[in-house]
Each structure stands twice: as structure tokens, then as C-alpha cells.
Amino acid sequence: VGLLLKASKKIRTPHQLVIAGEPDPFNPGSYSHRSIHRHCARVGARYLGYQPDMPTLLASASLVCLPSWYPEGLPRILCEAAACGRAVLATDIPGCRELVEHGESGLLIPPKDLNALVVALEDLLGNTGKDSTRLAVMGRKGRNLAKSKLETELVNKAAINDFGRLNLEYEEGCSENYNKSGIADHSETIKSS
């Protein structure tokens, strides 16, 4: 949040920064509600906290920005942004890079790079006025990416295939350690000292 607030202060293109979500109570480095409100007030940003209706919030956004620098798995907000057809600006780290095709469905920047964030935001926000075609195209490409990579049926099928493969490998590995009577035979793996 801090890097995005700093970037927002440096951007010359007119914009309204809106931050949604809850602080992480399990992360000692997470901002508190009070500090988020205080920092947002300094740069004219709005802090909404938890939002139960993300599709409506995302429908009002020009783009979604997640300048995270720590591993997040597949960030839910990027999945939601892609599903809603919003262009994305994110950090080039595992999880984010799987959901954003740089230059196609959004932009990826190096982690903790304030200058790159400012330049990318200026670039994308400069396309929100009369010529918002670029953001719309990125949003459509992001939605297509989400449909091809994130649909529940496809994800479940991939997981079942992966777990089936792992189970088969496990069973094959285990069967090598059993003798014909079905008793575990670890004679080759146990060496006397």
C-alpha cells in the first residue's frame, strides 16, 4: 500500500486512487486501518476497507494495481480484475506474472521500484480519457486469459490430472520397496554403520 500511495502522490495525470481490502492481522508489517486512513488522506486517496461486492467496485475502476513485492500465490484481486475485464498493473513476481501478460492484459513492473510504478501508472492512466481503447483491449485480453486459465472446471481438471500423476508416481515408488509377500523391504535403503 505504501508504494502505491507514494506513486499516487507523484502522478501528474488526474486520477482517483481507491484502496479496498483489509489489513492482514497475521502480518506484523501490515498497515493498520488507522494508518491506511491517515496515509490515504495525505494523498487524497479513498480507503474503503473490506468490500463484499467486488464486481461492482471493479466495474467502476479504470485499472487495478497490485504493486506487491512478497509472494502471494495467485492474488485473488488479479483473478477478479481479469474476470471483470480490467487492465492490470502488477509486480513481476511469481503469482502475478502468471495472471498478467505484459503489454497484453496489463503491465508488469519490478518489485519495490517506485519510478517504474509511477511511469507505468502515468502510461496507463493517460489512456483513461478520450482514448481508453488500450485499457479496454487489455481488459478483454485479461478476461480471455482468466477464462482459459482460471475457469473452475479447467483448474479442477488440471488438479485431478496432477494429483493422479503424483499418486501414480508415489504408488510406483512404493511398490519398488515391497517384496512379493507385501512386506516392506528396506534392505537396500538401510545401511549399517
Protein backbone atom coordinates (compact mmCIF):
# COMPACT_ATOMS: atom_id res chain seq x y z
CA VAL A 1 0.00 0.00 0.00
CA GLY A 2 2.81 2.38 0.89
CA LEU A 3 4.49 2.24 -2.51
CA LEU A 4 1.19 2.82 -4.32
CA LEU A 5 0.39 5.82 -2.12
CA LYS A 6 3.84 7.30 -2.80
CA ALA A 7 3.35 6.75 -6.53
CA SER A 8 -0.11 8.33 -6.44
CA LYS A 9 1.40 11.48 -4.95
CA LYS A 10 3.93 11.73 -7.83
CA ILE A 11 1.49 11.11 -10.71
CA ARG A 12 0.56 14.21 -12.70
CA THR A 13 -2.30 12.60 -14.61
CA PRO A 14 -5.63 13.31 -12.87
CA HIS A 15 -6.80 10.16 -11.06
CA GLN A 16 -8.73 8.91 -8.05
CA LEU A 17 -6.90 6.21 -6.09
CA VAL A 18 -9.25 3.85 -4.28
CA ILE A 19 -7.89 1.21 -1.94
CA ALA A 20 -10.04 -1.71 -0.86
CA GLY A 21 -9.30 -4.63 1.42
CA GLU A 22 -8.46 -5.43 4.98
CA PRO A 23 -5.08 -5.29 6.72
CA ASP A 24 -3.55 -8.72 7.26
CA PRO A 25 -3.77 -9.45 11.01
CA PHE A 26 -1.16 -12.22 10.68
CA ASN A 27 1.44 -10.00 9.00
CA PRO A 28 3.34 -7.88 11.53
CA GLY A 29 4.36 -5.50 8.72
CA SER A 30 0.76 -4.88 7.65
CA TYR A 31 -0.71 -1.40 7.93
CA SER A 32 -3.46 -0.82 10.49
CA HIS A 33 -6.84 0.68 9.50
CA ARG A 34 -5.84 3.94 11.20
CA SER A 35 -2.51 4.21 9.33
CA ILE A 36 -4.13 3.39 5.97
CA HIS A 37 -6.74 6.11 6.52
CA ARG A 38 -4.04 8.58 7.57
CA HIS A 39 -1.79 7.83 4.57
CA CYS A 40 -4.72 7.91 2.14
CA ALA A 41 -5.83 11.30 3.46
CA ARG A 42 -2.34 12.72 2.77
CA VAL A 43 -2.56 11.91 -0.95
CA GLY A 44 -6.30 12.32 -1.48
CA ALA A 45 -6.96 8.59 -1.87
CA ARG A 46 -10.10 6.82 -0.64
CA TYR A 47 -9.82 3.81 1.64
CA LEU A 48 -12.90 1.58 1.52
CA GLY A 49 -11.81 -1.35 3.69
CA TYR A 50 -13.50 -4.70 3.10
CA GLN A 51 -15.82 -4.75 0.08
CA PRO A 52 -18.35 -7.57 -0.23
CA ASP A 53 -19.27 -6.67 -3.83
CA MET A 54 -16.01 -6.62 -5.78
CA PRO A 55 -17.61 -6.90 -9.25
CA THR A 56 -19.43 -3.59 -8.72
CA LEU A 57 -16.30 -1.90 -7.38
CA LEU A 58 -14.17 -3.24 -10.24
CA ALA A 59 -16.77 -2.13 -12.81
CA SER A 60 -16.14 1.45 -11.66
CA ALA A 61 -12.34 1.13 -11.95
CA SER A 62 -10.24 2.05 -14.97
CA LEU A 63 -7.50 -0.35 -13.94
CA VAL A 64 -6.35 -2.45 -11.00
CA CYS A 65 -2.89 -2.05 -9.47
CA LEU A 66 -1.14 -4.55 -7.19
CA PRO A 67 2.49 -3.50 -6.59
CA SER A 68 3.07 -6.35 -4.17
CA TRP A 69 6.63 -7.48 -3.54
CA TYR A 70 6.07 -10.62 -1.48
CA PRO A 71 4.85 -14.00 -2.79
CA GLU A 72 1.08 -14.28 -2.79
CA GLY A 73 0.29 -17.42 -4.74
CA LEU A 74 -2.33 -16.34 -7.27
CA PRO A 75 -3.57 -12.99 -5.92
CA ARG A 76 -7.34 -13.05 -5.75
CA ILE A 77 -7.67 -9.40 -6.76
CA LEU A 78 -5.84 -10.08 -10.02
CA CYS A 79 -8.13 -13.04 -10.73
CA GLU A 80 -11.17 -10.84 -10.03
CA ALA A 81 -9.81 -7.97 -12.13
CA ALA A 82 -9.18 -10.27 -15.08
CA ALA A 83 -12.62 -11.88 -14.72
CA CYS A 84 -14.18 -8.39 -14.74
CA GLY A 85 -12.19 -7.35 -17.81
CA ARG A 86 -9.98 -4.76 -16.14
CA ALA A 87 -6.43 -3.93 -17.20
CA VAL A 88 -3.89 -4.73 -14.51
CA LEU A 89 -0.63 -3.21 -13.32
CA ALA A 90 1.24 -5.64 -11.11
CA THR A 91 4.69 -6.59 -9.93
CA ASP A 92 6.73 -9.07 -11.92
CA ILE A 93 6.81 -11.77 -9.24
CA PRO A 94 5.53 -15.36 -9.16
CA GLY A 95 1.75 -15.44 -8.97
CA CYS A 96 1.28 -12.01 -10.52
CA ARG A 97 3.20 -12.84 -13.70
CA GLU A 98 1.02 -15.92 -14.23
CA LEU A 99 -2.06 -13.68 -14.40
CA VAL A 100 -0.71 -10.73 -16.40
CA GLU A 101 0.73 -10.90 -19.90
CA HIS A 102 2.99 -7.85 -20.01
CA GLY A 103 1.87 -5.39 -22.65
CA GLU A 104 -1.18 -7.50 -23.49
CA SER A 105 -3.50 -7.76 -20.46
CA GLY A 106 -1.62 -5.22 -18.38
CA LEU A 107 1.86 -4.22 -17.33
CA LEU A 108 4.41 -5.85 -15.03
CA ILE A 109 6.98 -3.79 -13.15
CA PRO A 110 9.98 -4.74 -10.99
CA PRO A 111 9.23 -5.13 -7.26
CA LYS A 112 9.74 -2.11 -4.97
CA ASP A 113 10.52 0.17 -7.94
CA LEU A 114 8.72 3.46 -7.27
CA ASN A 115 9.90 5.09 -10.50
CA ALA A 116 8.71 2.14 -12.64
CA LEU A 117 5.34 2.24 -10.86
CA VAL A 118 4.93 5.97 -11.49
CA VAL A 119 5.91 5.64 -15.17
CA ALA A 120 3.54 2.67 -15.70
CA LEU A 121 0.64 4.40 -13.95
CA GLU A 122 1.20 7.58 -15.99
CA ASP A 123 1.28 5.46 -19.14
CA LEU A 124 -1.94 3.60 -18.34
CA LEU A 125 -3.82 6.50 -16.75
CA GLY A 126 -3.01 8.62 -19.80
CA ASN A 127 -5.32 6.25 -21.68
CA THR A 128 -8.42 6.75 -19.49
CA GLY A 129 -9.69 9.92 -21.15
CA LYS A 130 -10.88 10.12 -24.75
CA ASP A 131 -8.73 7.18 -25.85
CA SER A 132 -9.43 4.41 -23.36
CA THR A 133 -9.18 1.80 -26.12
CA ARG A 134 -5.86 0.44 -24.87
CA LEU A 135 -7.22 -0.27 -21.37
CA ALA A 136 -10.36 -1.86 -22.84
CA VAL A 137 -8.27 -4.12 -25.09
CA MET A 138 -6.04 -5.09 -22.16
CA GLY A 139 -9.13 -5.82 -20.08
CA ARG A 140 -10.59 -8.08 -22.77
CA LYS A 141 -7.30 -9.93 -23.12
CA GLY A 142 -7.16 -10.34 -19.35
CA ARG A 143 -10.69 -11.74 -19.33
CA ASN A 144 -9.79 -14.22 -22.08
CA LEU A 145 -6.69 -15.20 -20.11
CA ALA A 146 -8.81 -15.73 -16.99
CA LYS A 147 -11.30 -17.84 -18.92
CA SER A 148 -8.55 -20.03 -20.34
CA LYS A 149 -6.51 -20.38 -17.14
CA LEU A 150 -8.89 -19.88 -14.23
CA GLU A 151 -12.24 -21.46 -15.05
CA THR A 152 -13.13 -23.80 -12.21
CA GLU A 153 -13.63 -26.80 -14.47
CA LEU A 154 -10.23 -26.34 -16.11
CA VAL A 155 -8.47 -25.76 -12.78
CA ASN A 156 -10.15 -28.80 -11.23
CA LYS A 157 -9.30 -30.98 -14.23
CA ALA A 158 -5.65 -29.87 -14.09
CA ALA A 159 -5.53 -30.54 -10.34
CA ILE A 160 -7.06 -34.00 -10.75
CA ASN A 161 -4.57 -34.81 -13.51
CA ASP A 162 -1.65 -33.55 -11.41
CA PHE A 163 -2.76 -35.40 -8.28
CA GLY A 164 -3.42 -38.55 -10.32
CA ARG A 165 0.07 -38.35 -11.80
CA LEU A 166 1.61 -37.76 -8.37
CA ASN A 167 -0.36 -40.65 -6.88
CA LEU A 168 0.77 -42.96 -9.69
CA GLU A 169 4.39 -41.90 -9.19
CA TYR A 170 4.01 -42.47 -5.45
CA GLU A 171 2.46 -45.91 -5.92
CA GLU A 172 5.16 -46.91 -8.39
CA GLY A 173 7.85 -45.71 -5.98
CA CYS A 174 6.25 -47.56 -3.07
CA SER A 175 5.82 -50.81 -4.97
CA GLU A 176 9.56 -50.94 -5.54
CA ASN A 177 10.05 -51.07 -1.76
CA TYR A 178 7.81 -54.11 -1.16
CA ASN A 179 8.77 -57.75 -1.63
CA LYS A 180 6.46 -60.33 -3.19
CA SER A 181 4.76 -61.09 0.13
CA GLY A 182 3.68 -57.45 0.50
CA ILE A 183 6.04 -56.74 3.39
CA ALA A 184 8.09 -53.60 3.23
CA ASP A 185 11.64 -54.33 2.15
CA HIS A 186 14.02 -51.53 3.08
CA SER A 187 17.14 -53.67 2.97
CA GLU A 188 18.63 -51.61 0.18
CA THR A 189 17.90 -48.28 1.85
CA ILE A 190 19.18 -49.19 5.31
CA LYS A 191 22.94 -49.42 5.58
CA SER A 192 24.76 -50.48 8.69
CA SER A 193 27.38 -48.19 10.08
